[in-house]
Amino acid sequence: MNKLSPFAPPYTPAAVVAQHHLDLVSEEKRSLYMTFSIGSPINVDEISNFFNSVYGHCVYHVYVHDEEKKDPRFGKVIFTTMAMPKYILRGRDVFKVFINNKPVWLKEYVARRLRRQLNYV
């Protein structure tokens, strides 16, 4: 006999984590670094909508570095779980996605203070 409810919401990796887990795992471990192409401006809503539509509700916050009179060149997406960055990269150092036909390169986020300690480029 099947005991699963037909009215249960669909399973997504982000949906299984309670809100209090966000406080236990640092943003750095839940983040991906993004770089954008010159001439292909992209905004926070486009990025958030892309990840949430492809992977289920999984985005906690998106930062896009914004300089006056220039297209954004890089940013960071913070997920609700630390599993999402690894799930998206799937062992690759760099992963290219297209968000609204705009190329976005993703890689593991490493905080500036750790890059200096590890001589990480």
PDB file of N, CA and C in Angstrom:
ATOM      1  N   MET A   1       0.829  -1.173   0.000  1.00  0.00           N
ATOM      2  CA  MET A   1       0.000   0.000   0.000  1.00  0.00           C
ATOM      3  C   MET A   1       0.882   1.248   0.000  1.00  0.00           C
ATOM      4  N   ASN A   2       0.582   2.180  -0.877  1.00  0.00           N
ATOM      5  CA  ASN A   2       1.344   3.413  -0.995  1.00  0.00           C
ATOM      6  C   ASN A   2       0.890   4.407   0.064  1.00  0.00           C
ATOM      7  N   LYS A   3       1.831   4.906   0.868  1.00  0.00           N
ATOM      8  CA  LYS A   3       1.491   5.844   1.925  1.00  0.00           C
ATOM      9  C   LYS A   3       1.875   7.283   1.580  1.00  0.00           C
ATOM     10  N   LEU A   4       2.339   7.526   0.348  1.00  0.00           N
ATOM     11  CA  LEU A   4       2.674   8.878  -0.049  1.00  0.00           C
ATOM     12  C   LEU A   4       1.409   9.651  -0.395  1.00  0.00           C
ATOM     13  N   SER A   5       1.366  10.864   0.038  1.00  0.00           N
ATOM     14  CA  SER A   5       0.199  11.697  -0.233  1.00  0.00           C
ATOM     15  C   SER A   5       0.241  12.216  -1.664  1.00  0.00           C
ATOM     16  N   PRO A   6      -0.838  12.095  -2.405  1.00  0.00           N
ATOM     17  CA  PRO A   6      -0.862  12.656  -3.758  1.00  0.00           C
ATOM     18  C   PRO A   6      -0.891  14.179  -3.731  1.00  0.00           C
ATOM     19  N   PHE A   7      -1.112  14.768  -2.571  1.00  0.00           N
ATOM     20  CA  PHE A   7      -1.168  16.219  -2.445  1.00  0.00           C
ATOM     21  C   PHE A   7       0.145  16.823  -1.936  1.00  0.00           C
ATOM     22  N   ALA A   8       1.140  15.988  -1.708  1.00  0.00           N
ATOM     23  CA  ALA A   8       2.430  16.469  -1.224  1.00  0.00           C
ATOM     24  C   ALA A   8       3.117  17.284  -2.318  1.00  0.00           C
ATOM     25  N   PRO A   9       3.854  18.333  -1.925  1.00  0.00           N
ATOM     26  CA  PRO A   9       4.575  19.108  -2.940  1.00  0.00           C
ATOM     27  C   PRO A   9       5.697  18.267  -3.542  1.00  0.00           C
ATOM     28  N   PRO A  10       6.090  18.551  -4.777  1.00  0.00           N
ATOM     29  CA  PRO A  10       7.162  17.776  -5.409  1.00  0.00           C
ATOM     30  C   PRO A  10       8.480  17.961  -4.656  1.00  0.00           C
ATOM     31  N   TYR A  11       9.296  16.945  -4.682  1.00  0.00           N
ATOM     32  CA  TYR A  11      10.597  16.986  -4.015  1.00  0.00           C
ATOM     33  C   TYR A  11      11.582  17.820  -4.822  1.00  0.00           C
ATOM     34  N   THR A  12      12.283  18.703  -4.145  1.00  0.00           N
ATOM     35  CA  THR A  12      13.419  19.415  -4.723  1.00  0.00           C
ATOM     36  C   THR A  12      14.503  19.443  -3.662  1.00  0.00           C
ATOM     37  N   PRO A  13      15.773  19.440  -4.042  1.00  0.00           N
ATOM     38  CA  PRO A  13      16.844  19.414  -3.040  1.00  0.00           C
ATOM     39  C   PRO A  13      16.739  20.551  -2.029  1.00  0.00           C
ATOM     40  N   ALA A  14      16.331  21.721  -2.446  1.00  0.00           N
ATOM     41  CA  ALA A  14      16.274  22.866  -1.539  1.00  0.00           C
ATOM     42  C   ALA A  14      15.097  22.780  -0.575  1.00  0.00           C
ATOM     43  N   ALA A  15      14.047  22.094  -0.943  1.00  0.00           N
ATOM     44  CA  ALA A  15      12.848  22.059  -0.122  1.00  0.00           C
ATOM     45  C   ALA A  15      13.003  21.215   1.132  1.00  0.00           C
ATOM     46  N   VAL A  16      13.999  20.357   1.199  1.00  0.00           N
ATOM     47  CA  VAL A  16      14.144  19.477   2.352  1.00  0.00           C
ATOM     48  C   VAL A  16      14.893  20.127   3.507  1.00  0.00           C
ATOM     49  N   VAL A  17      15.421  21.309   3.310  1.00  0.00           N
ATOM     50  CA  VAL A  17      16.218  21.960   4.353  1.00  0.00           C
ATOM     51  C   VAL A  17      15.382  23.001   5.063  1.00  0.00           C
ATOM     52  N   ALA A  18      15.345  22.923   6.374  1.00  0.00           N
ATOM     53  CA  ALA A  18      14.609  23.901   7.172  1.00  0.00           C
ATOM     54  C   ALA A  18      15.359  25.229   7.203  1.00  0.00           C
ATOM     55  N   GLN A  19      14.647  26.291   7.484  1.00  0.00           N
ATOM     56  CA  GLN A  19      15.237  27.628   7.488  1.00  0.00           C
ATOM     57  C   GLN A  19      16.418  27.727   8.465  1.00  0.00           C
ATOM     58  N   HIS A  20      16.354  27.051   9.608  1.00  0.00           N
ATOM     59  CA  HIS A  20      17.432  27.187  10.587  1.00  0.00           C
ATOM     60  C   HIS A  20      18.756  26.642  10.090  1.00  0.00           C
ATOM     61  N   HIS A  21      18.753  25.776   9.092  1.00  0.00           N
ATOM     62  CA  HIS A  21      20.005  25.266   8.542  1.00  0.00           C
ATOM     63  C   HIS A  21      20.783  26.352   7.814  1.00  0.00           C
ATOM     64  N   LEU A  22      20.102  27.370   7.341  1.00  0.00           N
ATOM     65  CA  LEU A  22      20.795  28.465   6.661  1.00  0.00           C
ATOM     66  C   LEU A  22      21.790  29.129   7.602  1.00  0.00           C
ATOM     67  N   ASP A  23      21.438  29.209   8.875  1.00  0.00           N
ATOM     68  CA  ASP A  23      22.315  29.838   9.845  1.00  0.00           C
ATOM     69  C   ASP A  23      23.511  28.951  10.191  1.00  0.00           C
ATOM     70  N   LEU A  24      23.388  27.649   9.995  1.00  0.00           N
ATOM     71  CA  LEU A  24      24.450  26.724  10.371  1.00  0.00           C
ATOM     72  C   LEU A  24      25.534  26.591   9.306  1.00  0.00           C
ATOM     73  N   VAL A  25      25.212  26.885   8.064  1.00  0.00           N
ATOM     74  CA  VAL A  25      26.164  26.733   6.965  1.00  0.00           C
ATOM     75  C   VAL A  25      26.485  28.116   6.419  1.00  0.00           C
ATOM     76  N   SER A  26      27.775  28.435   6.321  1.00  0.00           N
ATOM     77  CA  SER A  26      28.166  29.767   5.868  1.00  0.00           C
ATOM     78  C   SER A  26      27.739  30.004   4.423  1.00  0.00           C
ATOM     79  N   GLU A  27      27.560  31.277   4.094  1.00  0.00           N
ATOM     80  CA  GLU A  27      27.201  31.641   2.726  1.00  0.00           C
ATOM     81  C   GLU A  27      28.248  31.162   1.735  1.00  0.00           C
ATOM     82  N   GLU A  28      29.500  31.196   2.136  1.00  0.00           N
ATOM     83  CA  GLU A  28      30.590  30.792   1.245  1.00  0.00           C
ATOM     84  C   GLU A  28      30.415  29.364   0.746  1.00  0.00           C
ATOM     85  N   LYS A  29      29.939  28.482   1.597  1.00  0.00           N
ATOM     86  CA  LYS A  29      29.770  27.078   1.221  1.00  0.00           C
ATOM     87  C   LYS A  29      28.507  26.846   0.409  1.00  0.00           C
ATOM     88  N   ARG A  30      27.638  27.853   0.357  1.00  0.00           N
ATOM     89  CA  ARG A  30      26.387  27.728  -0.395  1.00  0.00           C
ATOM     90  C   ARG A  30      26.399  28.581  -1.660  1.00  0.00           C
ATOM     91  N   SER A  31      27.579  29.053  -2.087  1.00  0.00           N
ATOM     92  CA  SER A  31      27.645  30.045  -3.158  1.00  0.00           C
ATOM     93  C   SER A  31      28.414  29.584  -4.381  1.00  0.00           C
ATOM     94  N   LEU A  32      28.053  30.182  -5.513  1.00  0.00           N
ATOM     95  CA  LEU A  32      28.804  30.059  -6.757  1.00  0.00           C
ATOM     96  C   LEU A  32      29.186  31.460  -7.218  1.00  0.00           C
ATOM     97  N   TYR A  33      30.391  31.584  -7.757  1.00  0.00           N
ATOM     98  CA  TYR A  33      30.880  32.833  -8.339  1.00  0.00           C
ATOM     99  C   TYR A  33      30.468  32.850  -9.799  1.00  0.00           C
ATOM    100  N   MET A  34      30.002  33.994 -10.287  1.00  0.00           N
ATOM    101  CA  MET A  34      29.543  34.110 -11.665  1.00  0.00           C
ATOM    102  C   MET A  34      30.320  35.205 -12.374  1.00  0.00           C
ATOM    103  N   THR A  35      30.658  34.970 -13.634  1.00  0.00           N
ATOM    104  CA  THR A  35      31.210  36.022 -14.473  1.00  0.00           C
ATOM    105  C   THR A  35      30.340  36.146 -15.714  1.00  0.00           C
ATOM    106  N   PHE A  36      30.235  37.383 -16.205  1.00  0.00           N
ATOM    107  CA  PHE A  36      29.363  37.685 -17.326  1.00  0.00           C
ATOM    108  C   PHE A  36      30.174  38.237 -18.489  1.00  0.00           C
ATOM    109  N   SER A  37      29.621  38.127 -19.679  1.00  0.00           N
ATOM    110  CA  SER A  37      30.266  38.657 -20.879  1.00  0.00           C
ATOM    111  C   SER A  37      29.997  40.154 -21.008  1.00  0.00           C
ATOM    112  N   ILE A  38      31.001  40.854 -21.529  1.00  0.00           N
ATOM    113  CA  ILE A  38      30.823  42.271 -21.831  1.00  0.00           C
ATOM    114  C   ILE A  38      29.762  42.382 -22.921  1.00  0.00           C
ATOM    115  N   GLY A  39      28.867  43.316 -22.751  1.00  0.00           N
ATOM    116  CA  GLY A  39      27.816  43.514 -23.741  1.00  0.00           C
ATOM    117  C   GLY A  39      26.603  42.627 -23.550  1.00  0.00           C
ATOM    118  N   SER A  40      26.614  41.801 -22.521  1.00  0.00           N
ATOM    119  CA  SER A  40      25.460  40.950 -22.209  1.00  0.00           C
ATOM    120  C   SER A  40      25.017  41.221 -20.778  1.00  0.00           C
ATOM    121  N   PRO A  41      24.459  42.408 -20.533  1.00  0.00           N
ATOM    122  CA  PRO A  41      24.070  42.733 -19.155  1.00  0.00           C
ATOM    123  C   PRO A  41      22.995  41.785 -18.644  1.00  0.00           C
ATOM    124  N   ILE A  42      23.106  41.447 -17.394  1.00  0.00           N
ATOM    125  CA  ILE A  42      22.165  40.521 -16.769  1.00  0.00           C
ATOM    126  C   ILE A  42      21.832  41.057 -15.384  1.00  0.00           C
ATOM    127  N   ASN A  43      20.601  40.856 -14.954  1.00  0.00           N
ATOM    128  CA  ASN A  43      20.224  41.405 -13.651  1.00  0.00           C
ATOM    129  C   ASN A  43      19.896  40.289 -12.658  1.00  0.00           C
ATOM    130  N   VAL A  44      19.711  40.694 -11.428  1.00  0.00           N
ATOM    131  CA  VAL A  44      19.476  39.782 -10.310  1.00  0.00           C
ATOM    132  C   VAL A  44      18.239  38.907 -10.553  1.00  0.00           C
ATOM    133  N   ASP A  45      17.172  39.516 -11.037  1.00  0.00           N
ATOM    134  CA  ASP A  45      15.932  38.762 -11.266  1.00  0.00           C
ATOM    135  C   ASP A  45      16.106  37.672 -12.317  1.00  0.00           C
ATOM    136  N   GLU A  46      16.838  37.969 -13.387  1.00  0.00           N
ATOM    137  CA  GLU A  46      17.079  36.960 -14.427  1.00  0.00           C
ATOM    138  C   GLU A  46      17.833  35.764 -13.854  1.00  0.00           C
ATOM    139  N   ILE A  47      18.830  36.043 -13.031  1.00  0.00           N
ATOM    140  CA  ILE A  47      19.649  34.979 -12.443  1.00  0.00           C
ATOM    141  C   ILE A  47      18.810  34.141 -11.482  1.00  0.00           C
ATOM    142  N   SER A  48      18.120  34.803 -10.585  1.00  0.00           N
ATOM    143  CA  SER A  48      17.290  34.106  -9.601  1.00  0.00           C
ATOM    144  C   SER A  48      16.210  33.265 -10.281  1.00  0.00           C
ATOM    145  N   ASN A  49      15.520  33.840 -11.250  1.00  0.00           N
ATOM    146  CA  ASN A  49      14.473  33.112 -11.964  1.00  0.00           C
ATOM    147  C   ASN A  49      15.020  31.895 -12.698  1.00  0.00           C
ATOM    148  N   PHE A  50      16.209  32.023 -13.279  1.00  0.00           N
ATOM    149  CA  PHE A  50      16.816  30.897 -13.992  1.00  0.00           C
ATOM    150  C   PHE A  50      17.043  29.718 -13.051  1.00  0.00           C
ATOM    151  N   PHE A  51      17.765  29.953 -11.960  1.00  0.00           N
ATOM    152  CA  PHE A  51      18.098  28.850 -11.055  1.00  0.00           C
ATOM    153  C   PHE A  51      16.844  28.258 -10.400  1.00  0.00           C
ATOM    154  N   ASN A  52      15.909  29.113  -9.999  1.00  0.00           N
ATOM    155  CA  ASN A  52      14.686  28.604  -9.372  1.00  0.00           C
ATOM    156  C   ASN A  52      13.828  27.817 -10.348  1.00  0.00           C
ATOM    157  N   SER A  53      13.842  28.175 -11.621  1.00  0.00           N
ATOM    158  CA  SER A  53      13.027  27.434 -12.591  1.00  0.00           C
ATOM    159  C   SER A  53      13.689  26.122 -12.994  1.00  0.00           C
ATOM    160  N   VAL A  54      15.007  26.086 -13.040  1.00  0.00           N
ATOM    161  CA  VAL A  54      15.712  24.864 -13.445  1.00  0.00           C
ATOM    162  C   VAL A  54      15.868  23.883 -12.285  1.00  0.00           C
ATOM    163  N   TYR A  55      16.169  24.371 -11.085  1.00  0.00           N
ATOM    164  CA  TYR A  55      16.505  23.501  -9.958  1.00  0.00           C
ATOM    165  C   TYR A  55      15.485  23.526  -8.823  1.00  0.00           C
ATOM    166  N   GLY A  56      14.351  24.148  -9.021  1.00  0.00           N
ATOM    167  CA  GLY A  56      13.390  24.290  -7.936  1.00  0.00           C
ATOM    168  C   GLY A  56      13.776  25.484  -7.082  1.00  0.00           C
ATOM    169  N   HIS A  57      12.935  25.836  -6.137  1.00  0.00           N
ATOM    170  CA  HIS A  57      13.227  27.010  -5.306  1.00  0.00           C
ATOM    171  C   HIS A  57      14.502  26.742  -4.508  1.00  0.00           C
ATOM    172  N   CYS A  58      15.596  27.343  -4.954  1.00  0.00           N
ATOM    173  CA  CYS A  58      16.897  27.042  -4.349  1.00  0.00           C
ATOM    174  C   CYS A  58      17.744  28.281  -4.090  1.00  0.00           C
ATOM    175  N   VAL A  59      17.337  29.442  -4.569  1.00  0.00           N
ATOM    176  CA  VAL A  59      18.154  30.651  -4.438  1.00  0.00           C
ATOM    177  C   VAL A  59      17.782  31.397  -3.164  1.00  0.00           C
ATOM    178  N   TYR A  60      18.791  31.665  -2.362  1.00  0.00           N
ATOM    179  CA  TYR A  60      18.617  32.457  -1.150  1.00  0.00           C
ATOM    180  C   TYR A  60      18.803  33.939  -1.462  1.00  0.00           C
ATOM    181  N   HIS A  61      19.883  34.266  -2.205  1.00  0.00           N
ATOM    182  CA  HIS A  61      20.164  35.661  -2.553  1.00  0.00           C
ATOM    183  C   HIS A  61      21.122  35.705  -3.737  1.00  0.00           C
ATOM    184  N   VAL A  62      21.045  36.789  -4.502  1.00  0.00           N
ATOM    185  CA  VAL A  62      21.950  37.008  -5.632  1.00  0.00           C
ATOM    186  C   VAL A  62      22.574  38.386  -5.484  1.00  0.00           C
ATOM    187  N   TYR A  63      23.907  38.440  -5.598  1.00  0.00           N
ATOM    188  CA  TYR A  63      24.639  39.706  -5.622  1.00  0.00           C
ATOM    189  C   TYR A  63      25.213  39.883  -7.018  1.00  0.00           C
ATOM    190  N   VAL A  64      25.062  41.072  -7.568  1.00  0.00           N
ATOM    191  CA  VAL A  64      25.705  41.401  -8.841  1.00  0.00           C
ATOM    192  C   VAL A  64      26.495  42.676  -8.609  1.00  0.00           C
ATOM    193  N   HIS A  65      27.804  42.615  -8.888  1.00  0.00           N
ATOM    194  CA  HIS A  65      28.658  43.789  -8.728  1.00  0.00           C
ATOM    195  C   HIS A  65      28.264  44.803  -9.786  1.00  0.00           C
ATOM    196  N   ASP A  66      27.914  45.977  -9.339  1.00  0.00           N
ATOM    197  CA  ASP A  66      27.383  46.982 -10.247  1.00  0.00           C
ATOM    198  C   ASP A  66      28.223  48.253 -10.163  1.00  0.00           C
ATOM    199  N   GLU A  67      28.922  48.565 -11.243  1.00  0.00           N
ATOM    200  CA  GLU A  67      29.663  49.818 -11.331  1.00  0.00           C
ATOM    201  C   GLU A  67      28.848  50.795 -12.161  1.00  0.00           C
ATOM    202  N   GLU A  68      28.913  52.048 -11.800  1.00  0.00           N
ATOM    203  CA  GLU A  68      28.155  53.050 -12.554  1.00  0.00           C
ATOM    204  C   GLU A  68      28.601  53.085 -14.008  1.00  0.00           C
ATOM    205  N   LYS A  69      27.626  53.165 -14.892  1.00  0.00           N
ATOM    206  CA  LYS A  69      27.839  53.309 -16.336  1.00  0.00           C
ATOM    207  C   LYS A  69      28.552  52.124 -16.968  1.00  0.00           C
ATOM    208  N   LYS A  70      28.603  50.979 -16.284  1.00  0.00           N
ATOM    209  CA  LYS A  70      29.227  49.775 -16.833  1.00  0.00           C
ATOM    210  C   LYS A  70      28.304  48.587 -16.627  1.00  0.00           C
ATOM    211  N   ASP A  71      28.360  47.642 -17.558  1.00  0.00           N
ATOM    212  CA  ASP A  71      27.624  46.396 -17.377  1.00  0.00           C
ATOM    213  C   ASP A  71      28.257  45.607 -16.245  1.00  0.00           C
ATOM    214  N   PRO A  72      27.448  44.895 -15.461  1.00  0.00           N
ATOM    215  CA  PRO A  72      28.030  44.045 -14.413  1.00  0.00           C
ATOM    216  C   PRO A  72      28.942  42.982 -15.034  1.00  0.00           C
ATOM    217  N   ARG A  73      30.050  42.700 -14.378  1.00  0.00           N
ATOM    218  CA  ARG A  73      31.016  41.722 -14.890  1.00  0.00           C
ATOM    219  C   ARG A  73      31.053  40.446 -14.062  1.00  0.00           C
ATOM    220  N   PHE A  74      30.619  40.534 -12.788  1.00  0.00           N
ATOM    221  CA  PHE A  74      30.664  39.352 -11.939  1.00  0.00           C
ATOM    222  C   PHE A  74      29.620  39.450 -10.838  1.00  0.00           C
ATOM    223  N   GLY A  75      29.377  38.323 -10.194  1.00  0.00           N
ATOM    224  CA  GLY A  75      28.420  38.282  -9.109  1.00  0.00           C
ATOM    225  C   GLY A  75      28.528  36.981  -8.340  1.00  0.00           C
ATOM    226  N   LYS A  76      27.593  36.809  -7.413  1.00  0.00           N
ATOM    227  CA  LYS A  76      27.580  35.617  -6.569  1.00  0.00           C
ATOM    228  C   LYS A  76      26.133  35.218  -6.350  1.00  0.00           C
ATOM    229  N   VAL A  77      25.858  33.934  -6.489  1.00  0.00           N
ATOM    230  CA  VAL A  77      24.527  33.429  -6.160  1.00  0.00           C
ATOM    231  C   VAL A  77      24.672  32.557  -4.918  1.00  0.00           C
ATOM    232  N   ILE A  78      23.821  32.821  -3.927  1.00  0.00           N
ATOM    233  CA  ILE A  78      23.832  32.072  -2.673  1.00  0.00           C
ATOM    234  C   ILE A  78      22.595  31.187  -2.665  1.00  0.00           C
ATOM    235  N   PHE A  79      22.805  29.910  -2.439  1.00  0.00           N
ATOM    236  CA  PHE A  79      21.718  28.938  -2.456  1.00  0.00           C
ATOM    237  C   PHE A  79      21.235  28.642  -1.038  1.00  0.00           C
ATOM    238  N   THR A  80      20.103  27.972  -0.949  1.00  0.00           N
ATOM    239  CA  THR A  80      19.545  27.624   0.355  1.00  0.00           C
ATOM    240  C   THR A  80      20.251  26.424   0.982  1.00  0.00           C
ATOM    241  N   THR A  81      20.972  25.643   0.184  1.00  0.00           N
ATOM    242  CA  THR A  81      21.705  24.491   0.726  1.00  0.00           C
ATOM    243  C   THR A  81      23.131  24.474   0.190  1.00  0.00           C
ATOM    244  N   MET A  82      24.006  23.837   0.939  1.00  0.00           N
ATOM    245  CA  MET A  82      25.391  23.728   0.475  1.00  0.00           C
ATOM    246  C   MET A  82      25.551  22.649  -0.599  1.00  0.00           C
ATOM    247  N   ALA A  83      24.523  21.849  -0.819  1.00  0.00           N
ATOM    248  CA  ALA A  83      24.586  20.817  -1.853  1.00  0.00           C
ATOM    249  C   ALA A  83      24.401  21.387  -3.258  1.00  0.00           C
ATOM    250  N   MET A  84      23.713  22.507  -3.387  1.00  0.00           N
ATOM    251  CA  MET A  84      23.384  23.028  -4.712  1.00  0.00           C
ATOM    252  C   MET A  84      24.599  23.405  -5.550  1.00  0.00           C
ATOM    253  N   PRO A  85      25.599  24.130  -5.016  1.00  0.00           N
ATOM    254  CA  PRO A  85      26.750  24.446  -5.868  1.00  0.00           C
ATOM    255  C   PRO A  85      27.437  23.197  -6.418  1.00  0.00           C
ATOM    256  N   LYS A  86      27.618  22.200  -5.583  1.00  0.00           N
ATOM    257  CA  LYS A  86      28.244  20.952  -6.046  1.00  0.00           C
ATOM    258  C   LYS A  86      27.354  20.226  -7.042  1.00  0.00           C
ATOM    259  N   TYR A  87      26.056  20.240  -6.812  1.00  0.00           N
ATOM    260  CA  TYR A  87      25.108  19.599  -7.724  1.00  0.00           C
ATOM    261  C   TYR A  87      25.147  20.271  -9.098  1.00  0.00           C
ATOM    262  N   ILE A  88      25.203  21.582  -9.115  1.00  0.00           N
ATOM    263  CA  ILE A  88      25.219  22.317 -10.378  1.00  0.00           C
ATOM    264  C   ILE A  88      26.547  22.127 -11.103  1.00  0.00           C
ATOM    265  N   LEU A  89      27.665  22.221 -10.396  1.00  0.00           N
ATOM    266  CA  LEU A  89      28.978  22.076 -11.041  1.00  0.00           C
ATOM    267  C   LEU A  89      29.278  20.629 -11.428  1.00  0.00           C
ATOM    268  N   ARG A  90      28.783  19.671 -10.656  1.00  0.00           N
ATOM    269  CA  ARG A  90      28.993  18.242 -10.905  1.00  0.00           C
ATOM    270  C   ARG A  90      30.455  17.897 -11.206  1.00  0.00           C
ATOM    271  N   GLY A  91      31.340  18.373 -10.367  1.00  0.00           N
ATOM    272  CA  GLY A  91      32.754  18.025 -10.476  1.00  0.00           C
ATOM    273  C   GLY A  91      33.553  18.869 -11.446  1.00  0.00           C
ATOM    274  N   ARG A  92      32.913  19.763 -12.165  1.00  0.00           N
ATOM    275  CA  ARG A  92      33.626  20.625 -13.114  1.00  0.00           C
ATOM    276  C   ARG A  92      34.177  21.846 -12.386  1.00  0.00           C
ATOM    277  N   ASP A  93      35.317  22.344 -12.866  1.00  0.00           N
ATOM    278  CA  ASP A  93      35.871  23.571 -12.290  1.00  0.00           C
ATOM    279  C   ASP A  93      35.061  24.784 -12.720  1.00  0.00           C
ATOM    280  N   VAL A  94      34.650  24.797 -13.976  1.00  0.00           N
ATOM    281  CA  VAL A  94      33.878  25.899 -14.543  1.00  0.00           C
ATOM    282  C   VAL A  94      32.722  25.309 -15.334  1.00  0.00           C
ATOM    283  N   PHE A  95      31.558  25.939 -15.220  1.00  0.00           N
ATOM    284  CA  PHE A  95      30.379  25.471 -15.942  1.00  0.00           C
ATOM    285  C   PHE A  95      29.709  26.673 -16.588  1.00  0.00           C
ATOM    286  N   LYS A  96      29.438  26.582 -17.868  1.00  0.00           N
ATOM    287  CA  LYS A  96      28.829  27.682 -18.608  1.00  0.00           C
ATOM    288  C   LYS A  96      27.344  27.409 -18.787  1.00  0.00           C
ATOM    289  N   VAL A  97      26.523  28.397 -18.434  1.00  0.00           N
ATOM    290  CA  VAL A  97      25.084  28.321 -18.656  1.00  0.00           C
ATOM    291  C   VAL A  97      24.667  29.546 -19.464  1.00  0.00           C
ATOM    292  N   PHE A  98      23.502  29.448 -20.063  1.00  0.00           N
ATOM    293  CA  PHE A  98      22.939  30.589 -20.779  1.00  0.00           C
ATOM    294  C   PHE A  98      21.662  31.002 -20.070  1.00  0.00           C
ATOM    295  N   ILE A  99      21.642  32.235 -19.621  1.00  0.00           N
ATOM    296  CA  ILE A  99      20.471  32.791 -18.962  1.00  0.00           C
ATOM    297  C   ILE A  99      19.891  33.838 -19.896  1.00  0.00           C
ATOM    298  N   ASN A 100      18.709  33.548 -20.427  1.00  0.00           N
ATOM    299  CA  ASN A 100      18.088  34.422 -21.426  1.00  0.00           C
ATOM    300  C   ASN A 100      19.047  34.712 -22.582  1.00  0.00           C
ATOM    301  N   ASN A 101      19.690  33.664 -23.068  1.00  0.00           N
ATOM    302  CA  ASN A 101      20.645  33.725 -24.188  1.00  0.00           C
ATOM    303  C   ASN A 101      21.898  34.539 -23.883  1.00  0.00           C
ATOM    304  N   LYS A 102      22.206  34.736 -22.610  1.00  0.00           N
ATOM    305  CA  LYS A 102      23.410  35.451 -22.198  1.00  0.00           C
ATOM    306  C   LYS A 102      24.330  34.463 -21.492  1.00  0.00           C
ATOM    307  N   PRO A 103      25.590  34.364 -21.931  1.00  0.00           N
ATOM    308  CA  PRO A 103      26.495  33.398 -21.297  1.00  0.00           C
ATOM    309  C   PRO A 103      26.899  33.825 -19.884  1.00  0.00           C
ATOM    310  N   VAL A 104      26.860  32.860 -18.971  1.00  0.00           N
ATOM    311  CA  VAL A 104      27.267  33.069 -17.580  1.00  0.00           C
ATOM    312  C   VAL A 104      28.170  31.907 -17.205  1.00  0.00           C
ATOM    313  N   TRP A 105      29.371  32.223 -16.697  1.00  0.00           N
ATOM    314  CA  TRP A 105      30.300  31.181 -16.257  1.00  0.00           C
ATOM    315  C   TRP A 105      30.207  31.061 -14.746  1.00  0.00           C
ATOM    316  N   LEU A 106      30.097  29.834 -14.278  1.00  0.00           N
ATOM    317  CA  LEU A 106      29.963  29.543 -12.854  1.00  0.00           C
ATOM    318  C   LEU A 106      31.180  28.784 -12.363  1.00  0.00           C
ATOM    319  N   LYS A 107      31.604  29.083 -11.164  1.00  0.00           N
ATOM    320  CA  LYS A 107      32.661  28.298 -10.523  1.00  0.00           C
ATOM    321  C   LYS A 107      32.491  28.396  -9.025  1.00  0.00           C
ATOM    322  N   GLU A 108      33.204  27.540  -8.321  1.00  0.00           N
ATOM    323  CA  GLU A 108      33.134  27.525  -6.862  1.00  0.00           C
ATOM    324  C   GLU A 108      33.495  28.892  -6.318  1.00  0.00           C
ATOM    325  N   TYR A 109      32.731  29.358  -5.349  1.00  0.00           N
ATOM    326  CA  TYR A 109      33.026  30.637  -4.718  1.00  0.00           C
ATOM    327  C   TYR A 109      34.054  30.409  -3.617  1.00  0.00           C
ATOM    328  N   VAL A 110      35.135  31.182  -3.663  1.00  0.00           N
ATOM    329  CA  VAL A 110      36.153  31.142  -2.618  1.00  0.00           C
ATOM    330  C   VAL A 110      36.334  32.573  -2.128  1.00  0.00           C
ATOM    331  N   ALA A 111      36.118  32.786  -0.844  1.00  0.00           N
ATOM    332  CA  ALA A 111      36.210  34.127  -0.267  1.00  0.00           C
ATOM    333  C   ALA A 111      37.602  34.703  -0.462  1.00  0.00           C
ATOM    334  N   ARG A 112      37.671  36.007  -0.591  1.00  0.00           N
ATOM    335  CA  ARG A 112      38.943  36.697  -0.840  1.00  0.00           C
ATOM    336  C   ARG A 112      39.992  36.354   0.209  1.00  0.00           C
ATOM    337  N   ARG A 113      39.591  36.313   1.482  1.00  0.00           N
ATOM    338  CA  ARG A 113      40.564  36.011   2.543  1.00  0.00           C
ATOM    339  C   ARG A 113      41.131  34.604   2.390  1.00  0.00           C
ATOM    340  N   LEU A 114      40.325  33.650   1.926  1.00  0.00           N
ATOM    341  CA  LEU A 114      40.817  32.291   1.712  1.00  0.00           C
ATOM    342  C   LEU A 114      41.678  32.190   0.452  1.00  0.00           C
ATOM    343  N   ARG A 115      41.355  32.974  -0.573  1.00  0.00           N
ATOM    344  CA  ARG A 115      42.170  32.968  -1.791  1.00  0.00           C
ATOM    345  C   ARG A 115      43.582  33.411  -1.476  1.00  0.00           C
ATOM    346  N   ARG A 116      43.712  34.417  -0.622  1.00  0.00           N
ATOM    347  CA  ARG A 116      45.056  34.889  -0.249  1.00  0.00           C
ATOM    348  C   ARG A 116      45.811  33.808   0.521  1.00  0.00           C
ATOM    349  N   GLN A 117      45.137  33.140   1.433  1.00  0.00           N
ATOM    350  CA  GLN A 117      45.783  32.103   2.245  1.00  0.00           C
ATOM    351  C   GLN A 117      46.214  30.917   1.380  1.00  0.00           C
ATOM    352  N   LEU A 118      45.395  30.564   0.407  1.00  0.00           N
ATOM    353  CA  LEU A 118      45.639  29.370  -0.405  1.00  0.00           C
ATOM    354  C   LEU A 118      46.348  29.668  -1.729  1.00  0.00           C
ATOM    355  N   ASN A 119      46.666  30.953  -1.970  1.00  0.00           N
ATOM    356  CA  ASN A 119      47.228  31.374  -3.265  1.00  0.00           C
ATOM    357  C   ASN A 119      46.333  30.878  -4.390  1.00  0.00           C
ATOM    358  N   TYR A 120      45.045  31.015  -4.196  1.00  0.00           N
ATOM    359  CA  TYR A 120      44.014  30.536  -5.134  1.00  0.00           C
ATOM    360  C   TYR A 120      43.743  31.633  -6.146  1.00  0.00           C
ATOM    361  N   VAL A 121      43.713  31.268  -7.399  1.00  0.00           N
ATOM    362  CA  VAL A 121      43.460  32.246  -8.462  1.00  0.00           C
ATOM    363  C   VAL A 121      41.998  32.273  -8.792  1.00  0.00           C
TER     364      VAL A 121
END
